[in-house]
Amino acid sequence: MMAGMGGAAALALGVLGLSGCALASPFAGTGYDEDRGVINPGAGDRVVVVITQAQLGRADRGEFDDHTRRVIRDLPNHEGYIGHSVRTRVLGDEVWTMTVWRDEAAMERFVTSPVHSAAIRAGLPAVRRAKFVRESWPAWAVPPTWGQALRRLDAEAFVEYGPPGGTDGDAPGR
């Protein structure tokens, strides 16, 4: 009996430990080469980095995730796209995105594209609060590390979208 309790306690501690962990996809894209850096034609000395952080409610999470996958699949179709990475909290309801663009115009075309616009409309009900950073970045320093990205996000205030704790009673966590 004691051995079973110890195993359950260890499992509970392990799950609690995982809930604080986040995993990120490797930075990749059609305008980036791991050995040569930014290879997007027309990219200058500086590029545009967009970083988002969203804390989500569980009720509409499936719709949010479906549209996020569609947006990621669509990224290479946009002129000026360099690359991206997505970071998610293990066993949590928090997601971060980082996209890199040749210039502001390319990024704006993507933001107003049909796939991204549909994702915002369909996924917004799942978003409880979010942060956004758009920054000029040296092309030679692409990609930013997630540590750099998170420090920039920490300086921003959350935009509140849903009621505290969400309509489904799940409080967003950091």
N, C-alpha and C. Protein backbone atom coordinates (compact mmCIF):
# COMPACT_ATOMS: atom_id res chain seq x y z
N MET A 1 0.82 -1.19 0.00
CA MET A 1 0.00 0.00 0.00
C MET A 1 0.86 1.25 0.00
N MET A 2 1.91 1.27 0.83
CA MET A 2 2.79 2.43 0.90
C MET A 2 3.50 2.66 -0.43
N ALA A 3 3.92 1.56 -1.08
CA ALA A 3 4.60 1.70 -2.36
C ALA A 3 3.67 2.33 -3.38
N GLY A 4 2.39 1.92 -3.35
CA GLY A 4 1.42 2.51 -4.27
C GLY A 4 1.21 3.98 -4.02
N MET A 5 1.20 4.37 -2.75
CA MET A 5 1.03 5.79 -2.41
C MET A 5 2.24 6.59 -2.87
N GLY A 6 3.43 6.01 -2.72
CA GLY A 6 4.64 6.70 -3.16
C GLY A 6 4.64 6.91 -4.67
N GLY A 7 4.20 5.88 -5.40
CA GLY A 7 4.12 5.99 -6.85
C GLY A 7 3.12 7.04 -7.29
N ALA A 8 1.97 7.07 -6.60
CA ALA A 8 0.94 8.07 -6.93
C ALA A 8 1.45 9.48 -6.63
N ALA A 9 2.16 9.62 -5.52
CA ALA A 9 2.70 10.93 -5.16
C ALA A 9 3.74 11.37 -6.18
N ALA A 10 4.58 10.43 -6.59
CA ALA A 10 5.61 10.76 -7.59
C ALA A 10 4.96 11.16 -8.91
N LEU A 11 3.91 10.43 -9.30
CA LEU A 11 3.20 10.76 -10.52
C LEU A 11 2.57 12.14 -10.42
N ALA A 12 1.94 12.43 -9.29
CA ALA A 12 1.32 13.75 -9.10
C ALA A 12 2.36 14.85 -9.17
N LEU A 13 3.50 14.65 -8.54
CA LEU A 13 4.57 15.65 -8.60
C LEU A 13 5.09 15.81 -10.02
N GLY A 14 5.20 14.70 -10.74
CA GLY A 14 5.65 14.77 -12.12
C GLY A 14 4.70 15.55 -13.00
N VAL A 15 3.41 15.31 -12.83
CA VAL A 15 2.40 16.03 -13.60
C VAL A 15 2.43 17.51 -13.25
N LEU A 16 2.54 17.82 -11.96
CA LEU A 16 2.64 19.23 -11.55
C LEU A 16 3.87 19.88 -12.14
N GLY A 17 4.97 19.17 -12.18
CA GLY A 17 6.19 19.71 -12.77
C GLY A 17 6.04 19.96 -14.25
N LEU A 18 5.38 19.05 -14.95
CA LEU A 18 5.17 19.22 -16.39
C LEU A 18 4.28 20.41 -16.70
N SER A 19 3.34 20.72 -15.83
CA SER A 19 2.41 21.80 -16.12
C SER A 19 3.13 23.14 -16.22
N GLY A 20 4.32 23.25 -15.68
CA GLY A 20 5.08 24.48 -15.78
C GLY A 20 6.02 24.50 -16.98
N CYS A 21 6.12 23.39 -17.70
CA CYS A 21 7.05 23.29 -18.83
C CYS A 21 6.39 23.75 -20.12
N ALA A 22 7.21 24.25 -21.02
CA ALA A 22 6.73 24.63 -22.34
C ALA A 22 7.67 24.03 -23.38
N LEU A 23 7.10 23.63 -24.50
CA LEU A 23 7.86 23.07 -25.61
C LEU A 23 7.70 23.96 -26.82
N ALA A 24 8.78 24.13 -27.58
CA ALA A 24 8.73 24.97 -28.78
C ALA A 24 9.16 24.16 -30.00
N SER A 25 8.52 24.44 -31.12
CA SER A 25 8.95 23.84 -32.38
C SER A 25 10.23 24.54 -32.83
N PRO A 26 11.09 23.84 -33.55
CA PRO A 26 12.29 24.49 -34.07
C PRO A 26 11.89 25.61 -35.04
N PHE A 27 12.66 26.69 -35.06
CA PHE A 27 12.39 27.78 -36.01
C PHE A 27 12.67 27.25 -37.41
N ALA A 28 11.71 27.43 -38.31
CA ALA A 28 11.85 26.95 -39.68
C ALA A 28 11.00 27.81 -40.59
N GLY A 29 11.36 27.84 -41.85
CA GLY A 29 10.56 28.56 -42.83
C GLY A 29 11.24 28.59 -44.18
N THR A 30 10.48 28.98 -45.18
CA THR A 30 10.99 29.01 -46.55
C THR A 30 12.00 30.13 -46.78
N GLY A 31 12.05 31.11 -45.90
CA GLY A 31 12.99 32.22 -46.05
C GLY A 31 14.16 32.14 -45.10
N TYR A 32 14.39 30.95 -44.53
CA TYR A 32 15.44 30.79 -43.53
C TYR A 32 16.17 29.48 -43.75
N ASP A 33 17.49 29.54 -43.65
CA ASP A 33 18.32 28.35 -43.71
C ASP A 33 19.16 28.31 -42.44
N GLU A 34 19.18 27.18 -41.77
CA GLU A 34 19.88 27.07 -40.49
C GLU A 34 21.36 27.44 -40.60
N ASP A 35 21.98 27.15 -41.73
CA ASP A 35 23.40 27.45 -41.90
C ASP A 35 23.66 28.86 -42.43
N ARG A 36 22.77 29.36 -43.29
CA ARG A 36 23.01 30.66 -43.93
C ARG A 36 22.18 31.79 -43.34
N GLY A 37 21.19 31.47 -42.51
CA GLY A 37 20.34 32.51 -41.92
C GLY A 37 19.20 32.91 -42.85
N VAL A 38 18.87 34.20 -42.87
CA VAL A 38 17.77 34.71 -43.69
C VAL A 38 18.15 34.61 -45.16
N ILE A 39 17.33 33.92 -45.94
CA ILE A 39 17.59 33.75 -47.37
C ILE A 39 16.44 34.28 -48.21
N ASN A 40 15.50 34.98 -47.58
CA ASN A 40 14.35 35.52 -48.29
C ASN A 40 14.80 36.61 -49.25
N PRO A 41 14.47 36.48 -50.55
CA PRO A 41 14.85 37.52 -51.50
C PRO A 41 14.22 38.86 -51.09
N GLY A 42 15.00 39.88 -51.14
CA GLY A 42 14.49 41.21 -50.81
C GLY A 42 14.61 41.59 -49.35
N ALA A 43 15.00 40.65 -48.49
CA ALA A 43 15.17 40.98 -47.08
C ALA A 43 16.40 41.87 -46.92
N GLY A 44 16.25 42.92 -46.16
CA GLY A 44 17.36 43.83 -45.93
C GLY A 44 18.11 43.48 -44.66
N ASP A 45 18.75 44.49 -44.09
CA ASP A 45 19.52 44.30 -42.86
C ASP A 45 18.64 44.07 -41.64
N ARG A 46 17.37 44.51 -41.75
CA ARG A 46 16.43 44.35 -40.64
C ARG A 46 15.17 43.67 -41.15
N VAL A 47 14.57 42.86 -40.29
CA VAL A 47 13.33 42.16 -40.61
C VAL A 47 12.32 42.47 -39.50
N VAL A 48 11.09 41.97 -39.66
CA VAL A 48 10.04 42.21 -38.66
C VAL A 48 9.76 40.91 -37.92
N VAL A 49 9.85 40.97 -36.60
CA VAL A 49 9.54 39.83 -35.75
C VAL A 49 8.23 40.13 -35.03
N VAL A 50 7.29 39.18 -35.10
CA VAL A 50 6.01 39.31 -34.41
C VAL A 50 5.91 38.16 -33.41
N ILE A 51 5.66 38.51 -32.16
CA ILE A 51 5.57 37.52 -31.08
C ILE A 51 4.21 37.66 -30.42
N THR A 52 3.51 36.55 -30.23
CA THR A 52 2.22 36.59 -29.54
C THR A 52 2.23 35.59 -28.38
N GLN A 53 1.43 35.89 -27.40
CA GLN A 53 1.20 34.99 -26.27
C GLN A 53 -0.29 35.01 -26.00
N ALA A 54 -0.92 33.85 -25.95
CA ALA A 54 -2.35 33.78 -25.66
C ALA A 54 -2.61 32.79 -24.54
N GLN A 55 -3.43 33.21 -23.60
CA GLN A 55 -3.92 32.31 -22.56
C GLN A 55 -5.35 31.96 -22.94
N LEU A 56 -5.63 30.67 -23.00
CA LEU A 56 -6.86 30.16 -23.59
C LEU A 56 -7.78 29.52 -22.57
N GLY A 57 -9.07 29.55 -22.89
CA GLY A 57 -10.07 28.78 -22.16
C GLY A 57 -10.23 27.44 -22.83
N ARG A 58 -10.68 26.46 -22.12
CA ARG A 58 -10.78 25.12 -22.68
C ARG A 58 -12.01 24.92 -23.56
N ALA A 59 -13.07 25.67 -23.35
CA ALA A 59 -14.33 25.41 -24.04
C ALA A 59 -14.19 25.51 -25.56
N ASP A 60 -13.46 26.48 -26.06
CA ASP A 60 -13.34 26.69 -27.50
C ASP A 60 -11.95 26.35 -28.02
N ARG A 61 -11.20 25.60 -27.26
CA ARG A 61 -9.81 25.33 -27.59
C ARG A 61 -9.66 24.55 -28.89
N GLY A 62 -10.53 23.60 -29.17
CA GLY A 62 -10.42 22.80 -30.39
C GLY A 62 -10.47 23.66 -31.63
N GLU A 63 -11.39 24.59 -31.69
CA GLU A 63 -11.51 25.49 -32.83
C GLU A 63 -10.25 26.34 -32.98
N PHE A 64 -9.74 26.83 -31.87
CA PHE A 64 -8.51 27.63 -31.88
C PHE A 64 -7.36 26.80 -32.46
N ASP A 65 -7.18 25.59 -31.96
CA ASP A 65 -6.08 24.74 -32.41
C ASP A 65 -6.21 24.38 -33.89
N ASP A 66 -7.43 24.07 -34.34
CA ASP A 66 -7.64 23.74 -35.76
C ASP A 66 -7.22 24.90 -36.66
N HIS A 67 -7.63 26.09 -36.30
CA HIS A 67 -7.30 27.25 -37.13
C HIS A 67 -5.82 27.62 -37.02
N THR A 68 -5.22 27.39 -35.88
CA THR A 68 -3.77 27.63 -35.75
C THR A 68 -3.00 26.74 -36.71
N ARG A 69 -3.39 25.47 -36.80
CA ARG A 69 -2.73 24.56 -37.73
C ARG A 69 -2.91 25.02 -39.18
N ARG A 70 -4.09 25.51 -39.52
CA ARG A 70 -4.32 26.02 -40.89
C ARG A 70 -3.43 27.22 -41.19
N VAL A 71 -3.32 28.11 -40.23
CA VAL A 71 -2.47 29.30 -40.42
C VAL A 71 -1.02 28.87 -40.61
N ILE A 72 -0.53 27.95 -39.81
CA ILE A 72 0.86 27.49 -39.92
C ILE A 72 1.10 26.85 -41.29
N ARG A 73 0.16 26.03 -41.75
CA ARG A 73 0.30 25.42 -43.08
C ARG A 73 0.30 26.48 -44.18
N ASP A 74 -0.40 27.60 -43.96
CA ASP A 74 -0.53 28.65 -44.98
C ASP A 74 0.67 29.61 -45.02
N LEU A 75 1.45 29.67 -43.96
CA LEU A 75 2.55 30.64 -43.89
C LEU A 75 3.45 30.64 -45.12
N PRO A 76 3.91 29.49 -45.63
CA PRO A 76 4.82 29.51 -46.78
C PRO A 76 4.21 30.10 -48.06
N ASN A 77 2.89 30.24 -48.10
CA ASN A 77 2.23 30.81 -49.27
C ASN A 77 2.33 32.33 -49.33
N HIS A 78 2.91 32.95 -48.31
CA HIS A 78 2.94 34.41 -48.23
C HIS A 78 4.31 34.96 -48.58
N GLU A 79 4.31 35.83 -49.58
CA GLU A 79 5.54 36.51 -49.98
C GLU A 79 6.08 37.30 -48.79
N GLY A 80 7.34 37.17 -48.54
CA GLY A 80 7.96 37.90 -47.44
C GLY A 80 8.05 37.10 -46.15
N TYR A 81 7.45 35.91 -46.12
CA TYR A 81 7.54 35.04 -44.94
C TYR A 81 8.96 34.49 -44.84
N ILE A 82 9.54 34.58 -43.65
CA ILE A 82 10.88 34.05 -43.43
C ILE A 82 10.83 32.77 -42.61
N GLY A 83 10.15 32.78 -41.47
CA GLY A 83 10.08 31.57 -40.66
C GLY A 83 9.22 31.76 -39.43
N HIS A 84 9.06 30.67 -38.68
CA HIS A 84 8.21 30.72 -37.49
C HIS A 84 8.61 29.64 -36.48
N SER A 85 8.12 29.82 -35.28
CA SER A 85 8.20 28.81 -34.22
C SER A 85 6.94 28.97 -33.37
N VAL A 86 6.46 27.86 -32.84
CA VAL A 86 5.29 27.86 -31.96
C VAL A 86 5.71 27.20 -30.65
N ARG A 87 5.28 27.78 -29.56
CA ARG A 87 5.62 27.28 -28.22
C ARG A 87 4.32 27.06 -27.46
N THR A 88 4.20 25.92 -26.78
CA THR A 88 2.99 25.63 -26.00
C THR A 88 3.36 25.15 -24.61
N ARG A 89 2.49 25.45 -23.67
CA ARG A 89 2.67 24.99 -22.30
C ARG A 89 2.18 23.54 -22.23
N VAL A 90 3.04 22.65 -21.72
CA VAL A 90 2.67 21.25 -21.55
C VAL A 90 1.56 21.18 -20.50
N LEU A 91 0.50 20.46 -20.79
CA LEU A 91 -0.64 20.30 -19.89
C LEU A 91 -1.23 21.65 -19.49
N GLY A 92 -1.18 22.62 -20.39
CA GLY A 92 -1.71 23.94 -20.06
C GLY A 92 -2.48 24.54 -21.21
N ASP A 93 -2.91 25.75 -20.99
CA ASP A 93 -3.72 26.45 -21.97
C ASP A 93 -3.06 27.76 -22.37
N GLU A 94 -1.78 27.67 -22.72
CA GLU A 94 -1.04 28.85 -23.10
C GLU A 94 -0.23 28.53 -24.35
N VAL A 95 -0.22 29.47 -25.29
CA VAL A 95 0.49 29.27 -26.55
C VAL A 95 1.18 30.57 -26.95
N TRP A 96 2.35 30.42 -27.55
CA TRP A 96 3.11 31.56 -28.05
C TRP A 96 3.42 31.30 -29.52
N THR A 97 3.47 32.35 -30.32
CA THR A 97 3.92 32.23 -31.70
C THR A 97 4.99 33.27 -31.97
N MET A 98 5.90 32.92 -32.85
CA MET A 98 6.90 33.86 -33.33
C MET A 98 6.96 33.71 -34.84
N THR A 99 6.71 34.79 -35.56
CA THR A 99 6.87 34.78 -37.01
C THR A 99 7.84 35.88 -37.39
N VAL A 100 8.58 35.64 -38.47
CA VAL A 100 9.55 36.62 -38.96
C VAL A 100 9.22 36.91 -40.42
N TRP A 101 9.21 38.21 -40.74
CA TRP A 101 8.79 38.70 -42.06
C TRP A 101 9.85 39.60 -42.66
N ARG A 102 9.90 39.62 -43.97
CA ARG A 102 10.86 40.46 -44.69
C ARG A 102 10.68 41.93 -44.34
N ASP A 103 9.42 42.36 -44.25
CA ASP A 103 9.13 43.77 -43.96
C ASP A 103 7.71 43.91 -43.44
N GLU A 104 7.36 45.12 -43.03
CA GLU A 104 6.02 45.40 -42.48
C GLU A 104 4.92 45.09 -43.49
N ALA A 105 5.14 45.42 -44.76
CA ALA A 105 4.11 45.20 -45.78
C ALA A 105 3.79 43.71 -45.92
N ALA A 106 4.81 42.87 -45.92
CA ALA A 106 4.58 41.41 -46.02
C ALA A 106 3.80 40.91 -44.81
N MET A 107 4.17 41.39 -43.64
CA MET A 107 3.48 40.98 -42.42
C MET A 107 2.02 41.43 -42.44
N GLU A 108 1.77 42.66 -42.88
CA GLU A 108 0.39 43.17 -42.95
C GLU A 108 -0.45 42.38 -43.95
N ARG A 109 0.14 42.01 -45.08
CA ARG A 109 -0.61 41.19 -46.06
C ARG A 109 -1.02 39.86 -45.44
N PHE A 110 -0.12 39.26 -44.67
CA PHE A 110 -0.45 38.01 -43.99
C PHE A 110 -1.57 38.21 -42.98
N VAL A 111 -1.46 39.24 -42.14
CA VAL A 111 -2.45 39.49 -41.08
C VAL A 111 -3.84 39.67 -41.67
N THR A 112 -3.94 40.28 -42.84
CA THR A 112 -5.25 40.53 -43.47
C THR A 112 -5.65 39.44 -44.46
N SER A 113 -4.85 38.38 -44.56
CA SER A 113 -5.16 37.29 -45.49
C SER A 113 -6.42 36.54 -45.05
N PRO A 114 -7.10 35.89 -45.99
CA PRO A 114 -8.32 35.15 -45.63
C PRO A 114 -8.11 34.07 -44.56
N VAL A 115 -7.03 33.31 -44.64
CA VAL A 115 -6.81 32.23 -43.67
C VAL A 115 -6.58 32.79 -42.27
N HIS A 116 -5.76 33.84 -42.15
CA HIS A 116 -5.49 34.43 -40.84
C HIS A 116 -6.74 35.12 -40.31
N SER A 117 -7.45 35.85 -41.16
CA SER A 117 -8.67 36.53 -40.71
C SER A 117 -9.71 35.54 -40.21
N ALA A 118 -9.87 34.41 -40.93
CA ALA A 118 -10.82 33.38 -40.49
C ALA A 118 -10.38 32.78 -39.16
N ALA A 119 -9.08 32.60 -38.97
CA ALA A 119 -8.57 32.04 -37.71
C ALA A 119 -8.86 32.98 -36.55
N ILE A 120 -8.69 34.27 -36.76
CA ILE A 120 -8.98 35.23 -35.70
C ILE A 120 -10.46 35.18 -35.33
N ARG A 121 -11.32 35.21 -36.34
CA ARG A 121 -12.77 35.17 -36.07
C ARG A 121 -13.18 33.89 -35.33
N ALA A 122 -12.69 32.76 -35.80
CA ALA A 122 -13.10 31.47 -35.22
C ALA A 122 -12.40 31.17 -33.90
N GLY A 123 -11.15 31.59 -33.75
CA GLY A 123 -10.38 31.24 -32.56
C GLY A 123 -10.50 32.20 -31.40
N LEU A 124 -10.93 33.44 -31.67
CA LEU A 124 -10.97 34.45 -30.61
C LEU A 124 -11.83 34.06 -29.41
N PRO A 125 -12.94 33.33 -29.58
CA PRO A 125 -13.72 32.95 -28.40
C PRO A 125 -12.92 32.12 -27.37
N ALA A 126 -11.87 31.45 -27.80
CA ALA A 126 -11.05 30.67 -26.87
C ALA A 126 -10.02 31.52 -26.14
N VAL A 127 -9.74 32.71 -26.64
CA VAL A 127 -8.69 33.55 -26.06
C VAL A 127 -9.24 34.33 -24.88
N ARG A 128 -8.62 34.15 -23.73
CA ARG A 128 -9.01 34.89 -22.52
C ARG A 128 -8.22 36.18 -22.43
N ARG A 129 -6.92 36.11 -22.75
CA ARG A 129 -6.08 37.31 -22.77
C ARG A 129 -4.86 37.04 -23.63
N ALA A 130 -4.27 38.12 -24.14
CA ALA A 130 -3.14 37.95 -25.06
C ALA A 130 -2.20 39.15 -24.99
N LYS A 131 -0.97 38.91 -25.43
CA LYS A 131 0.04 39.95 -25.57
C LYS A 131 0.58 39.89 -27.00
N PHE A 132 1.02 41.04 -27.50
CA PHE A 132 1.54 41.12 -28.85
C PHE A 132 2.78 42.02 -28.87
N VAL A 133 3.79 41.60 -29.61
CA VAL A 133 4.98 42.41 -29.82
C VAL A 133 5.31 42.36 -31.31
N ARG A 134 5.58 43.52 -31.88
CA ARG A 134 6.05 43.63 -33.27
C ARG A 134 7.32 44.46 -33.19
N GLU A 135 8.42 43.92 -33.72
CA GLU A 135 9.70 44.59 -33.53
C GLU A 135 10.60 44.43 -34.75
N SER A 136 11.31 45.49 -35.07
CA SER A 136 12.36 45.42 -36.09
C SER A 136 13.53 44.66 -35.47
N TRP A 137 14.13 43.75 -36.24
CA TRP A 137 15.15 42.86 -35.71
C TRP A 137 16.29 42.75 -36.72
N PRO A 138 17.54 42.69 -36.27
CA PRO A 138 18.64 42.52 -37.22
C PRO A 138 18.53 41.16 -37.93
N ALA A 139 18.59 41.19 -39.26
CA ALA A 139 18.45 39.95 -40.03
C ALA A 139 19.53 38.93 -39.65
N TRP A 140 20.72 39.41 -39.31
CA TRP A 140 21.81 38.49 -38.97
C TRP A 140 21.53 37.74 -37.66
N ALA A 141 20.59 38.25 -36.83
CA ALA A 141 20.31 37.66 -35.51
C ALA A 141 19.05 36.79 -35.51
N VAL A 142 18.53 36.46 -36.70
CA VAL A 142 17.34 35.61 -36.81
C VAL A 142 17.77 34.15 -36.69
N PRO A 143 17.05 33.34 -35.93
CA PRO A 143 15.84 33.69 -35.18
C PRO A 143 16.17 34.20 -33.78
N PRO A 144 15.29 35.02 -33.23
CA PRO A 144 15.44 35.36 -31.81
C PRO A 144 15.28 34.08 -31.00
N THR A 145 15.90 34.02 -29.85
CA THR A 145 15.67 32.88 -28.96
C THR A 145 14.32 33.07 -28.27
N TRP A 146 13.78 32.00 -27.75
CA TRP A 146 12.53 32.15 -26.99
C TRP A 146 12.77 32.96 -25.72
N GLY A 147 13.96 32.90 -25.17
CA GLY A 147 14.29 33.73 -24.01
C GLY A 147 14.18 35.21 -24.36
N GLN A 148 14.72 35.61 -25.51
CA GLN A 148 14.61 37.00 -25.96
C GLN A 148 13.15 37.37 -26.19
N ALA A 149 12.42 36.49 -26.83
CA ALA A 149 11.01 36.76 -27.13
C ALA A 149 10.20 36.93 -25.85
N LEU A 150 10.41 36.05 -24.89
CA LEU A 150 9.64 36.12 -23.64
C LEU A 150 9.97 37.38 -22.84
N ARG A 151 11.23 37.82 -22.88
CA ARG A 151 11.58 39.07 -22.19
C ARG A 151 10.84 40.25 -22.81
N ARG A 152 10.70 40.27 -24.12
CA ARG A 152 9.97 41.36 -24.77
C ARG A 152 8.48 41.29 -24.43
N LEU A 153 7.93 40.09 -24.39
CA LEU A 153 6.52 39.95 -24.01
C LEU A 153 6.29 40.37 -22.57
N ASP A 154 7.23 40.08 -21.69
CA ASP A 154 7.08 40.45 -20.27
C ASP A 154 6.91 41.95 -20.09
N ALA A 155 7.43 42.74 -21.02
CA ALA A 155 7.33 44.20 -20.92
C ALA A 155 5.96 44.72 -21.37
N GLU A 156 5.13 43.86 -21.93
CA GLU A 156 3.83 44.27 -22.46
C GLU A 156 2.70 43.88 -21.51
N ALA A 157 1.62 44.64 -21.58
CA ALA A 157 0.42 44.32 -20.78
C ALA A 157 -0.47 43.36 -21.57
N PHE A 158 -1.21 42.55 -20.85
CA PHE A 158 -2.18 41.67 -21.50
C PHE A 158 -3.37 42.49 -21.99
N VAL A 159 -3.91 42.08 -23.13
CA VAL A 159 -5.19 42.56 -23.62
C VAL A 159 -6.20 41.52 -23.16
N GLU A 160 -7.22 41.95 -22.43
CA GLU A 160 -8.23 41.03 -21.89
C GLU A 160 -9.34 40.82 -22.92
N TYR A 161 -9.70 39.56 -23.18
CA TYR A 161 -10.76 39.24 -24.13
C TYR A 161 -11.95 38.57 -23.46
N GLY A 162 -11.70 37.64 -22.57
CA GLY A 162 -12.78 36.89 -21.94
C GLY A 162 -12.90 37.28 -20.49
N PRO A 163 -13.98 36.85 -19.84
CA PRO A 163 -14.13 37.13 -18.41
C PRO A 163 -13.04 36.42 -17.62
N PRO A 164 -12.65 36.97 -16.45
CA PRO A 164 -11.63 36.30 -15.64
C PRO A 164 -12.01 34.85 -15.40
N GLY A 165 -11.08 33.97 -15.68
CA GLY A 165 -11.34 32.55 -15.49
C GLY A 165 -12.07 31.93 -16.66
N GLY A 166 -12.50 32.74 -17.63
CA GLY A 166 -13.18 32.21 -18.80
C GLY A 166 -14.63 31.86 -18.49
N THR A 167 -15.40 31.71 -19.54
CA THR A 167 -16.81 31.37 -19.37
C THR A 167 -17.00 29.94 -18.91
N ASP A 168 -15.97 29.13 -19.08
CA ASP A 168 -16.09 27.73 -18.70
C ASP A 168 -15.42 27.43 -17.37
N GLY A 169 -15.09 28.48 -16.62
CA GLY A 169 -14.57 28.28 -15.28
C GLY A 169 -13.11 27.92 -15.18
N ASP A 170 -12.38 27.94 -16.29
CA ASP A 170 -10.97 27.59 -16.23
C ASP A 170 -10.14 28.87 -16.23
N ALA A 171 -9.42 29.06 -15.17
CA ALA A 171 -8.60 30.27 -15.04
C ALA A 171 -7.32 30.11 -15.85
N PRO A 172 -6.98 31.13 -16.65
CA PRO A 172 -5.72 31.05 -17.39
C PRO A 172 -4.55 31.13 -16.42
N GLY A 173 -3.50 30.42 -16.71
CA GLY A 173 -2.32 30.45 -15.85
C GLY A 173 -1.09 30.83 -16.63
N ARG A 174 -0.07 31.24 -15.94
CA ARG A 174 1.17 31.59 -16.62
C ARG A 174 2.21 30.56 -16.33
